[in-house]
């Protein structure tokens, strides 16, 4: 799941106020405590919120959507099958 820059910034503010990563995750109601720890560690080590967000493992977006290296982009049936499976898993 992708979180907005505002959520990452809020996590940094809460961490600076003294809350633990677990408390911050509970307060924000979504991200895991490990994600909060990664964000706050990136900001605390002199990085910026942009770097914290950039380090997230997001699919590379090209054109209309993410790149699936195992599917030929012209094979729409395989892409649909992959997306249906992905939705079922989620």
PDB file of N, CA and C in Angstrom:
ATOM      1  N   UNK A   1       0.845  -1.170   0.000  1.00  0.00           N
ATOM      2  CA  UNK A   1       0.000   0.000   0.000  1.00  0.00           C
ATOM      3  C   UNK A   1       0.888   1.230   0.000  1.00  0.00           C
ATOM      4  N   UNK A   2       0.450   2.234  -0.688  1.00  0.00           N
ATOM      5  CA  UNK A   2       1.202   3.464  -0.779  1.00  0.00           C
ATOM      6  C   UNK A   2       0.578   4.504   0.141  1.00  0.00           C
ATOM      7  N   UNK A   3       1.427   5.187   0.890  1.00  0.00           N
ATOM      8  CA  UNK A   3       0.960   6.231   1.787  1.00  0.00           C
ATOM      9  C   UNK A   3       1.431   7.579   1.270  1.00  0.00           C
ATOM     10  N   UNK A   4       0.627   8.575   1.508  1.00  0.00           N
ATOM     11  CA  UNK A   4       0.948   9.911   1.009  1.00  0.00           C
ATOM     12  C   UNK A   4       2.087  10.540   1.804  1.00  0.00           C
ATOM     13  N   UNK A   5       2.637  11.556   1.231  1.00  0.00           N
ATOM     14  CA  UNK A   5       3.707  12.311   1.879  1.00  0.00           C
ATOM     15  C   UNK A   5       3.221  12.871   3.214  1.00  0.00           C
ATOM     16  N   UNK A   6       1.943  13.271   3.280  1.00  0.00           N
ATOM     17  CA  UNK A   6       1.388  13.832   4.519  1.00  0.00           C
ATOM     18  C   UNK A   6       1.416  12.798   5.650  1.00  0.00           C
ATOM     19  N   UNK A   7       1.124  11.542   5.325  1.00  0.00           N
ATOM     20  CA  UNK A   7       1.145  10.480   6.343  1.00  0.00           C
ATOM     21  C   UNK A   7       2.568  10.264   6.839  1.00  0.00           C
ATOM     22  N   UNK A   8       3.532  10.263   5.924  1.00  0.00           N
ATOM     23  CA  UNK A   8       4.933  10.076   6.307  1.00  0.00           C
ATOM     24  C   UNK A   8       5.402  11.249   7.159  1.00  0.00           C
ATOM     25  N   UNK A   9       5.010  12.471   6.776  1.00  0.00           N
ATOM     26  CA  UNK A   9       5.383  13.646   7.560  1.00  0.00           C
ATOM     27  C   UNK A   9       4.754  13.590   8.949  1.00  0.00           C
ATOM     28  N   UNK A  10       3.507  13.164   9.025  1.00  0.00           N
ATOM     29  CA  UNK A  10       2.816  13.045  10.321  1.00  0.00           C
ATOM     30  C   UNK A  10       3.520  12.006  11.196  1.00  0.00           C
ATOM     31  N   UNK A  11       3.960  10.923  10.606  1.00  0.00           N
ATOM     32  CA  UNK A  11       4.694   9.906  11.356  1.00  0.00           C
ATOM     33  C   UNK A  11       5.975  10.494  11.922  1.00  0.00           C
ATOM     34  N   UNK A  12       6.675  11.306  11.148  1.00  0.00           N
ATOM     35  CA  UNK A  12       7.892  11.957  11.622  1.00  0.00           C
ATOM     36  C   UNK A  12       7.621  12.903  12.779  1.00  0.00           C
ATOM     37  N   UNK A  13       6.527  13.657  12.674  1.00  0.00           N
ATOM     38  CA  UNK A  13       6.156  14.579  13.749  1.00  0.00           C
ATOM     39  C   UNK A  13       5.853  13.810  15.035  1.00  0.00           C
ATOM     40  N   UNK A  14       5.095  12.724  14.904  1.00  0.00           N
ATOM     41  CA  UNK A  14       4.734  11.925  16.078  1.00  0.00           C
ATOM     42  C   UNK A  14       5.966  11.279  16.701  1.00  0.00           C
ATOM     43  N   UNK A  15       6.909  10.862  15.861  1.00  0.00           N
ATOM     44  CA  UNK A  15       8.137  10.239  16.387  1.00  0.00           C
ATOM     45  C   UNK A  15       8.959  11.264  17.159  1.00  0.00           C
ATOM     46  N   UNK A  16       9.059  12.474  16.610  1.00  0.00           N
ATOM     47  CA  UNK A  16       9.806  13.534  17.296  1.00  0.00           C
ATOM     48  C   UNK A  16       9.134  13.926  18.610  1.00  0.00           C
ATOM     49  N   UNK A  17       7.808  13.723  18.704  1.00  0.00           N
ATOM     50  CA  UNK A  17       7.108  14.054  19.947  1.00  0.00           C
ATOM     51  C   UNK A  17       7.294  12.977  21.011  1.00  0.00           C
ATOM     52  N   UNK A  18       7.937  11.849  20.639  1.00  0.00           N
ATOM     53  CA  UNK A  18       8.268  10.834  21.628  1.00  0.00           C
ATOM     54  C   UNK A  18       7.471   9.549  21.553  1.00  0.00           C
ATOM     55  N   UNK A  19       6.562   9.425  20.607  1.00  0.00           N
ATOM     56  CA  UNK A  19       5.795   8.188  20.483  1.00  0.00           C
ATOM     57  C   UNK A  19       6.646   7.077  19.876  1.00  0.00           C
ATOM     58  N   UNK A  20       6.340   5.844  20.230  1.00  0.00           N
ATOM     59  CA  UNK A  20       7.039   4.703  19.641  1.00  0.00           C
ATOM     60  C   UNK A  20       6.451   4.420  18.256  1.00  0.00           C
ATOM     61  N   UNK A  21       7.168   3.616  17.484  1.00  0.00           N
ATOM     62  CA  UNK A  21       6.688   3.263  16.139  1.00  0.00           C
ATOM     63  C   UNK A  21       5.361   2.516  16.218  1.00  0.00           C
ATOM     64  N   UNK A  22       5.208   1.659  17.209  1.00  0.00           N
ATOM     65  CA  UNK A  22       3.951   0.922  17.381  1.00  0.00           C
ATOM     66  C   UNK A  22       2.800   1.881  17.673  1.00  0.00           C
ATOM     67  N   UNK A  23       3.039   2.870  18.546  1.00  0.00           N
ATOM     68  CA  UNK A  23       2.004   3.852  18.873  1.00  0.00           C
ATOM     69  C   UNK A  23       1.651   4.709  17.661  1.00  0.00           C
ATOM     70  N   UNK A  24       2.668   5.050  16.884  1.00  0.00           N
ATOM     71  CA  UNK A  24       2.430   5.855  15.675  1.00  0.00           C
ATOM     72  C   UNK A  24       1.594   5.061  14.673  1.00  0.00           C
ATOM     73  N   UNK A  25       1.942   3.791  14.476  1.00  0.00           N
ATOM     74  CA  UNK A  25       1.182   2.949  13.538  1.00  0.00           C
ATOM     75  C   UNK A  25      -0.272   2.849  13.977  1.00  0.00           C
ATOM     76  N   UNK A  26      -0.498   2.700  15.270  1.00  0.00           N
ATOM     77  CA  UNK A  26      -1.862   2.620  15.797  1.00  0.00           C
ATOM     78  C   UNK A  26      -2.581   3.949  15.596  1.00  0.00           C
ATOM     79  N   UNK A  27      -1.878   5.056  15.844  1.00  0.00           N
ATOM     80  CA  UNK A  27      -2.447   6.399  15.706  1.00  0.00           C
ATOM     81  C   UNK A  27      -2.847   6.684  14.255  1.00  0.00           C
ATOM     82  N   UNK A  28      -1.981   6.299  13.314  1.00  0.00           N
ATOM     83  CA  UNK A  28      -2.256   6.561  11.905  1.00  0.00           C
ATOM     84  C   UNK A  28      -3.270   5.591  11.322  1.00  0.00           C
ATOM     85  N   UNK A  29      -3.429   4.439  11.964  1.00  0.00           N
ATOM     86  CA  UNK A  29      -4.460   3.490  11.560  1.00  0.00           C
ATOM     87  C   UNK A  29      -4.254   2.844  10.207  1.00  0.00           C
ATOM     88  N   UNK A  30      -3.047   2.532   9.843  1.00  0.00           N
ATOM     89  CA  UNK A  30      -2.841   1.892   8.554  1.00  0.00           C
ATOM     90  C   UNK A  30      -1.475   1.272   8.387  1.00  0.00           C
ATOM     91  N   UNK A  31      -0.431   2.082   8.439  1.00  0.00           N
ATOM     92  CA  UNK A  31       0.898   1.526   8.162  1.00  0.00           C
ATOM     93  C   UNK A  31       1.364   0.598   9.279  1.00  0.00           C
ATOM     94  N   UNK A  32       2.252  -0.310   8.915  1.00  0.00           N
ATOM     95  CA  UNK A  32       2.821  -1.215   9.914  1.00  0.00           C
ATOM     96  C   UNK A  32       3.886  -0.487  10.716  1.00  0.00           C
ATOM     97  N   UNK A  33       4.221  -1.059  11.871  1.00  0.00           N
ATOM     98  CA  UNK A  33       5.249  -0.412  12.692  1.00  0.00           C
ATOM     99  C   UNK A  33       6.599  -0.446  11.994  1.00  0.00           C
ATOM    100  N   UNK A  34       6.856  -1.464  11.169  1.00  0.00           N
ATOM    101  CA  UNK A  34       8.127  -1.510  10.445  1.00  0.00           C
ATOM    102  C   UNK A  34       8.186  -0.425   9.369  1.00  0.00           C
ATOM    103  N   UNK A  35       7.061  -0.119   8.727  1.00  0.00           N
ATOM    104  CA  UNK A  35       7.030   0.974   7.745  1.00  0.00           C
ATOM    105  C   UNK A  35       7.283   2.303   8.439  1.00  0.00           C
ATOM    106  N   UNK A  36       6.650   2.503   9.591  1.00  0.00           N
ATOM    107  CA  UNK A  36       6.858   3.736  10.350  1.00  0.00           C
ATOM    108  C   UNK A  36       8.318   3.861  10.762  1.00  0.00           C
ATOM    109  N   UNK A  37       8.910   2.752  11.213  1.00  0.00           N
ATOM    110  CA  UNK A  37      10.325   2.765  11.617  1.00  0.00           C
ATOM    111  C   UNK A  37      11.215   3.124  10.433  1.00  0.00           C
ATOM    112  N   UNK A  38      10.923   2.585   9.256  1.00  0.00           N
ATOM    113  CA  UNK A  38      11.715   2.867   8.057  1.00  0.00           C
ATOM    114  C   UNK A  38      11.603   4.350   7.688  1.00  0.00           C
ATOM    115  N   UNK A  39      10.379   4.884   7.734  1.00  0.00           N
ATOM    116  CA  UNK A  39      10.181   6.290   7.392  1.00  0.00           C
ATOM    117  C   UNK A  39      10.920   7.197   8.361  1.00  0.00           C
ATOM    118  N   UNK A  40      10.730   6.952   9.647  1.00  0.00           N
ATOM    119  CA  UNK A  40      11.330   7.840  10.645  1.00  0.00           C
ATOM    120  C   UNK A  40      12.842   7.701  10.674  1.00  0.00           C
ATOM    121  N   UNK A  41      13.361   6.508  10.402  1.00  0.00           N
ATOM    122  CA  UNK A  41      14.805   6.308  10.354  1.00  0.00           C
ATOM    123  C   UNK A  41      15.404   7.081   9.184  1.00  0.00           C
ATOM    124  N   UNK A  42      14.729   7.066   8.035  1.00  0.00           N
ATOM    125  CA  UNK A  42      15.225   7.785   6.860  1.00  0.00           C
ATOM    126  C   UNK A  42      15.250   9.286   7.117  1.00  0.00           C
ATOM    127  N   UNK A  43      14.235   9.795   7.786  1.00  0.00           N
ATOM    128  CA  UNK A  43      14.174  11.225   8.075  1.00  0.00           C
ATOM    129  C   UNK A  43      15.182  11.584   9.154  1.00  0.00           C
ATOM    130  N   UNK A  44      15.326  10.746  10.190  1.00  0.00           N
ATOM    131  CA  UNK A  44      16.243  11.032  11.301  1.00  0.00           C
ATOM    132  C   UNK A  44      17.707  10.991  10.865  1.00  0.00           C
ATOM    133  N   UNK A  45      18.020  10.190   9.849  1.00  0.00           N
ATOM    134  CA  UNK A  45      19.412  10.075   9.408  1.00  0.00           C
ATOM    135  C   UNK A  45      19.815  11.195   8.448  1.00  0.00           C
ATOM    136  N   UNK A  46      19.033  12.254   8.423  1.00  0.00           N
ATOM    137  CA  UNK A  46      19.384  13.395   7.592  1.00  0.00           C
ATOM    138  C   UNK A  46      18.692  13.400   6.243  1.00  0.00           C
ATOM    139  N   UNK A  47      17.919  12.368   5.984  1.00  0.00           N
ATOM    140  CA  UNK A  47      17.193  12.318   4.721  1.00  0.00           C
ATOM    141  C   UNK A  47      15.953  13.193   4.784  1.00  0.00           C
ATOM    142  N   UNK A  48      15.209  13.174   3.734  1.00  0.00           N
ATOM    143  CA  UNK A  48      13.978  13.946   3.676  1.00  0.00           C
ATOM    144  C   UNK A  48      12.808  12.995   3.561  1.00  0.00           C
ATOM    145  N   UNK A  49      11.627  13.535   3.712  1.00  0.00           N
ATOM    146  CA  UNK A  49      10.419  12.725   3.561  1.00  0.00           C
ATOM    147  C   UNK A  49      10.371  12.155   2.155  1.00  0.00           C
ATOM    148  N   UNK A  50      10.814  12.935   1.174  1.00  0.00           N
ATOM    149  CA  UNK A  50      10.820  12.453  -0.211  1.00  0.00           C
ATOM    150  C   UNK A  50      11.669  11.212  -0.364  1.00  0.00           C
ATOM    151  N   UNK A  51      12.827  11.180   0.323  1.00  0.00           N
ATOM    152  CA  UNK A  51      13.675   9.990   0.260  1.00  0.00           C
ATOM    153  C   UNK A  51      13.021   8.812   0.949  1.00  0.00           C
ATOM    154  N   UNK A  52      12.327   9.076   2.063  1.00  0.00           N
ATOM    155  CA  UNK A  52      11.643   7.998   2.776  1.00  0.00           C
ATOM    156  C   UNK A  52      10.575   7.386   1.891  1.00  0.00           C
ATOM    157  N   UNK A  53       9.838   8.223   1.180  1.00  0.00           N
ATOM    158  CA  UNK A  53       8.800   7.727   0.279  1.00  0.00           C
ATOM    159  C   UNK A  53       9.429   7.027  -0.915  1.00  0.00           C
ATOM    160  N   UNK A  54      10.532   7.561  -1.425  1.00  0.00           N
ATOM    161  CA  UNK A  54      11.186   6.985  -2.599  1.00  0.00           C
ATOM    162  C   UNK A  54      11.754   5.605  -2.319  1.00  0.00           C
ATOM    163  N   UNK A  55      12.093   5.302  -1.064  1.00  0.00           N
ATOM    164  CA  UNK A  55      12.669   4.004  -0.738  1.00  0.00           C
ATOM    165  C   UNK A  55      11.628   2.900  -0.671  1.00  0.00           C
ATOM    166  N   UNK A  56      10.334   3.248  -0.718  1.00  0.00           N
ATOM    167  CA  UNK A  56       9.300   2.226  -0.685  1.00  0.00           C
ATOM    168  C   UNK A  56       9.374   1.395  -1.962  1.00  0.00           C
ATOM    169  N   UNK A  57       9.117   0.116  -1.841  1.00  0.00           N
ATOM    170  CA  UNK A  57       9.156  -0.776  -2.992  1.00  0.00           C
ATOM    171  C   UNK A  57       7.841  -0.689  -3.758  1.00  0.00           C
ATOM    172  N   UNK A  58       7.776   0.246  -4.669  1.00  0.00           N
ATOM    173  CA  UNK A  58       6.584   0.440  -5.480  1.00  0.00           C
ATOM    174  C   UNK A  58       6.839  -0.073  -6.881  1.00  0.00           C
ATOM    175  N   UNK A  59       5.806  -0.588  -7.545  1.00  0.00           N
ATOM    176  CA  UNK A  59       6.027  -1.051  -8.909  1.00  0.00           C
ATOM    177  C   UNK A  59       6.355   0.128  -9.823  1.00  0.00           C
ATOM    178  N   UNK A  60       7.232  -0.122 -10.773  1.00  0.00           N
ATOM    179  CA  UNK A  60       7.598   0.899 -11.742  1.00  0.00           C
ATOM    180  C   UNK A  60       6.416   1.132 -12.668  1.00  0.00           C
ATOM    181  N   UNK A  61       6.014   2.371 -12.816  1.00  0.00           N
ATOM    182  CA  UNK A  61       4.849   2.693 -13.634  1.00  0.00           C
ATOM    183  C   UNK A  61       5.319   3.223 -14.980  1.00  0.00           C
ATOM    184  N   UNK A  62       4.812   2.579 -16.032  1.00  0.00           N
ATOM    185  CA  UNK A  62       5.120   2.999 -17.385  1.00  0.00           C
ATOM    186  C   UNK A  62       3.806   3.024 -18.150  1.00  0.00           C
ATOM    187  N   UNK A  63       3.498   4.130 -18.726  1.00  0.00           N
ATOM    188  CA  UNK A  63       2.266   4.223 -19.497  1.00  0.00           C
ATOM    189  C   UNK A  63       1.037   4.132 -18.615  1.00  0.00           C
ATOM    190  N   UNK A  64       0.221   3.112 -18.847  1.00  0.00           N
ATOM    191  CA  UNK A  64      -1.061   2.999 -18.160  1.00  0.00           C
ATOM    192  C   UNK A  64      -1.005   2.257 -16.833  1.00  0.00           C
ATOM    193  N   UNK A  65       0.103   1.651 -16.479  1.00  0.00           N
ATOM    194  CA  UNK A  65       0.120   0.912 -15.228  1.00  0.00           C
ATOM    195  C   UNK A  65       1.462   0.298 -14.933  1.00  0.00           C
ATOM    196  N   UNK A  66       1.523  -0.558 -13.898  1.00  0.00           N
ATOM    197  CA  UNK A  66       2.795  -1.153 -13.505  1.00  0.00           C
ATOM    198  C   UNK A  66       3.321  -2.132 -14.543  1.00  0.00           C
ATOM    199  N   UNK A  67       4.618  -2.348 -14.519  1.00  0.00           N
ATOM    200  CA  UNK A  67       5.263  -3.263 -15.447  1.00  0.00           C
ATOM    201  C   UNK A  67       5.229  -4.669 -14.850  1.00  0.00           C
ATOM    202  N   UNK A  68       4.755  -5.625 -15.613  1.00  0.00           N
ATOM    203  CA  UNK A  68       4.763  -7.026 -15.216  1.00  0.00           C
ATOM    204  C   UNK A  68       5.738  -7.736 -16.149  1.00  0.00           C
ATOM    205  N   UNK A  69       6.960  -8.009 -15.695  1.00  0.00           N
ATOM    206  CA  UNK A  69       7.978  -8.551 -16.592  1.00  0.00           C
ATOM    207  C   UNK A  69       7.634  -9.917 -17.178  1.00  0.00           C
ATOM    208  N   UNK A  70       6.745 -10.664 -16.518  1.00  0.00           N
ATOM    209  CA  UNK A  70       6.416 -11.998 -17.011  1.00  0.00           C
ATOM    210  C   UNK A  70       5.242 -12.004 -17.989  1.00  0.00           C
ATOM    211  N   UNK A  71       4.707 -10.844 -18.347  1.00  0.00           N
ATOM    212  CA  UNK A  71       3.548 -10.772 -19.239  1.00  0.00           C
ATOM    213  C   UNK A  71       3.860  -9.845 -20.406  1.00  0.00           C
ATOM    214  N   UNK A  72       3.576 -10.332 -21.602  1.00  0.00           N
ATOM    215  CA  UNK A  72       3.713  -9.513 -22.803  1.00  0.00           C
ATOM    216  C   UNK A  72       2.633  -8.429 -22.752  1.00  0.00           C
ATOM    217  N   UNK A  73       2.990  -7.143 -22.847  1.00  0.00           N
ATOM    218  CA  UNK A  73       1.991  -6.082 -22.734  1.00  0.00           C
ATOM    219  C   UNK A  73       0.908  -6.139 -23.798  1.00  0.00           C
ATOM    220  N   UNK A  74       1.193  -6.808 -24.914  1.00  0.00           N
ATOM    221  CA  UNK A  74       0.186  -6.916 -25.967  1.00  0.00           C
ATOM    222  C   UNK A  74      -0.784  -8.065 -25.727  1.00  0.00           C
ATOM    223  N   UNK A  75      -0.485  -8.944 -24.789  1.00  0.00           N
ATOM    224  CA  UNK A  75      -1.361 -10.078 -24.477  1.00  0.00           C
ATOM    225  C   UNK A  75      -2.332  -9.658 -23.374  1.00  0.00           C
ATOM    226  N   UNK A  76      -3.433  -9.048 -23.769  1.00  0.00           N
ATOM    227  CA  UNK A  76      -4.394  -8.491 -22.821  1.00  0.00           C
ATOM    228  C   UNK A  76      -5.041  -9.581 -21.957  1.00  0.00           C
ATOM    229  N   UNK A  77      -5.265 -10.771 -22.503  1.00  0.00           N
ATOM    230  CA  UNK A  77      -5.885 -11.846 -21.724  1.00  0.00           C
ATOM    231  C   UNK A  77      -4.994 -12.269 -20.560  1.00  0.00           C
ATOM    232  N   UNK A  78      -3.694 -12.363 -20.794  1.00  0.00           N
ATOM    233  CA  UNK A  78      -2.762 -12.729 -19.727  1.00  0.00           C
ATOM    234  C   UNK A  78      -2.712 -11.635 -18.664  1.00  0.00           C
ATOM    235  N   UNK A  79      -2.764 -10.393 -19.092  1.00  0.00           N
ATOM    236  CA  UNK A  79      -2.754  -9.281 -18.150  1.00  0.00           C
ATOM    237  C   UNK A  79      -4.020  -9.283 -17.298  1.00  0.00           C
ATOM    238  N   UNK A  80      -5.165  -9.497 -17.932  1.00  0.00           N
ATOM    239  CA  UNK A  80      -6.430  -9.555 -17.199  1.00  0.00           C
ATOM    240  C   UNK A  80      -6.411 -10.710 -16.203  1.00  0.00           C
ATOM    241  N   UNK A  81      -5.918 -11.864 -16.629  1.00  0.00           N
ATOM    242  CA  UNK A  81      -5.828 -13.020 -15.742  1.00  0.00           C
ATOM    243  C   UNK A  81      -4.932 -12.707 -14.541  1.00  0.00           C
ATOM    244  N   UNK A  82      -3.816 -12.052 -14.780  1.00  0.00           N
ATOM    245  CA  UNK A  82      -2.886 -11.682 -13.708  1.00  0.00           C
ATOM    246  C   UNK A  82      -3.545 -10.721 -12.723  1.00  0.00           C
ATOM    247  N   UNK A  83      -4.260  -9.731 -13.251  1.00  0.00           N
ATOM    248  CA  UNK A  83      -4.913  -8.743 -12.389  1.00  0.00           C
ATOM    249  C   UNK A  83      -6.067  -9.346 -11.591  1.00  0.00           C
ATOM    250  N   UNK A  84      -6.805 -10.261 -12.184  1.00  0.00           N
ATOM    251  CA  UNK A  84      -7.879 -10.945 -11.455  1.00  0.00           C
ATOM    252  C   UNK A  84      -7.294 -11.754 -10.306  1.00  0.00           C
ATOM    253  N   UNK A  85      -6.191 -12.447 -10.569  1.00  0.00           N
ATOM    254  CA  UNK A  85      -5.501 -13.210  -9.518  1.00  0.00           C
ATOM    255  C   UNK A  85      -5.004 -12.273  -8.420  1.00  0.00           C
ATOM    256  N   UNK A  86      -4.413 -11.158  -8.825  1.00  0.00           N
ATOM    257  CA  UNK A  86      -3.899 -10.185  -7.852  1.00  0.00           C
ATOM    258  C   UNK A  86      -5.027  -9.654  -6.979  1.00  0.00           C
ATOM    259  N   UNK A  87      -6.159  -9.352  -7.563  1.00  0.00           N
ATOM    260  CA  UNK A  87      -7.309  -8.873  -6.795  1.00  0.00           C
ATOM    261  C   UNK A  87      -7.827  -9.934  -5.850  1.00  0.00           C
ATOM    262  N   UNK A  88      -7.834 -11.181  -6.282  1.00  0.00           N
ATOM    263  CA  UNK A  88      -8.302 -12.269  -5.432  1.00  0.00           C
ATOM    264  C   UNK A  88      -7.388 -12.430  -4.208  1.00  0.00           C
ATOM    265  N   UNK A  89      -6.088 -12.262  -4.436  1.00  0.00           N
ATOM    266  CA  UNK A  89      -5.135 -12.386  -3.333  1.00  0.00           C
ATOM    267  C   UNK A  89      -5.316 -11.249  -2.347  1.00  0.00           C
ATOM    268  N   UNK A  90      -5.540 -10.041  -2.858  1.00  0.00           N
ATOM    269  CA  UNK A  90      -5.697  -8.883  -1.982  1.00  0.00           C
ATOM    270  C   UNK A  90      -7.004  -8.959  -1.255  1.00  0.00           C
TER     271      UNK A  90
END
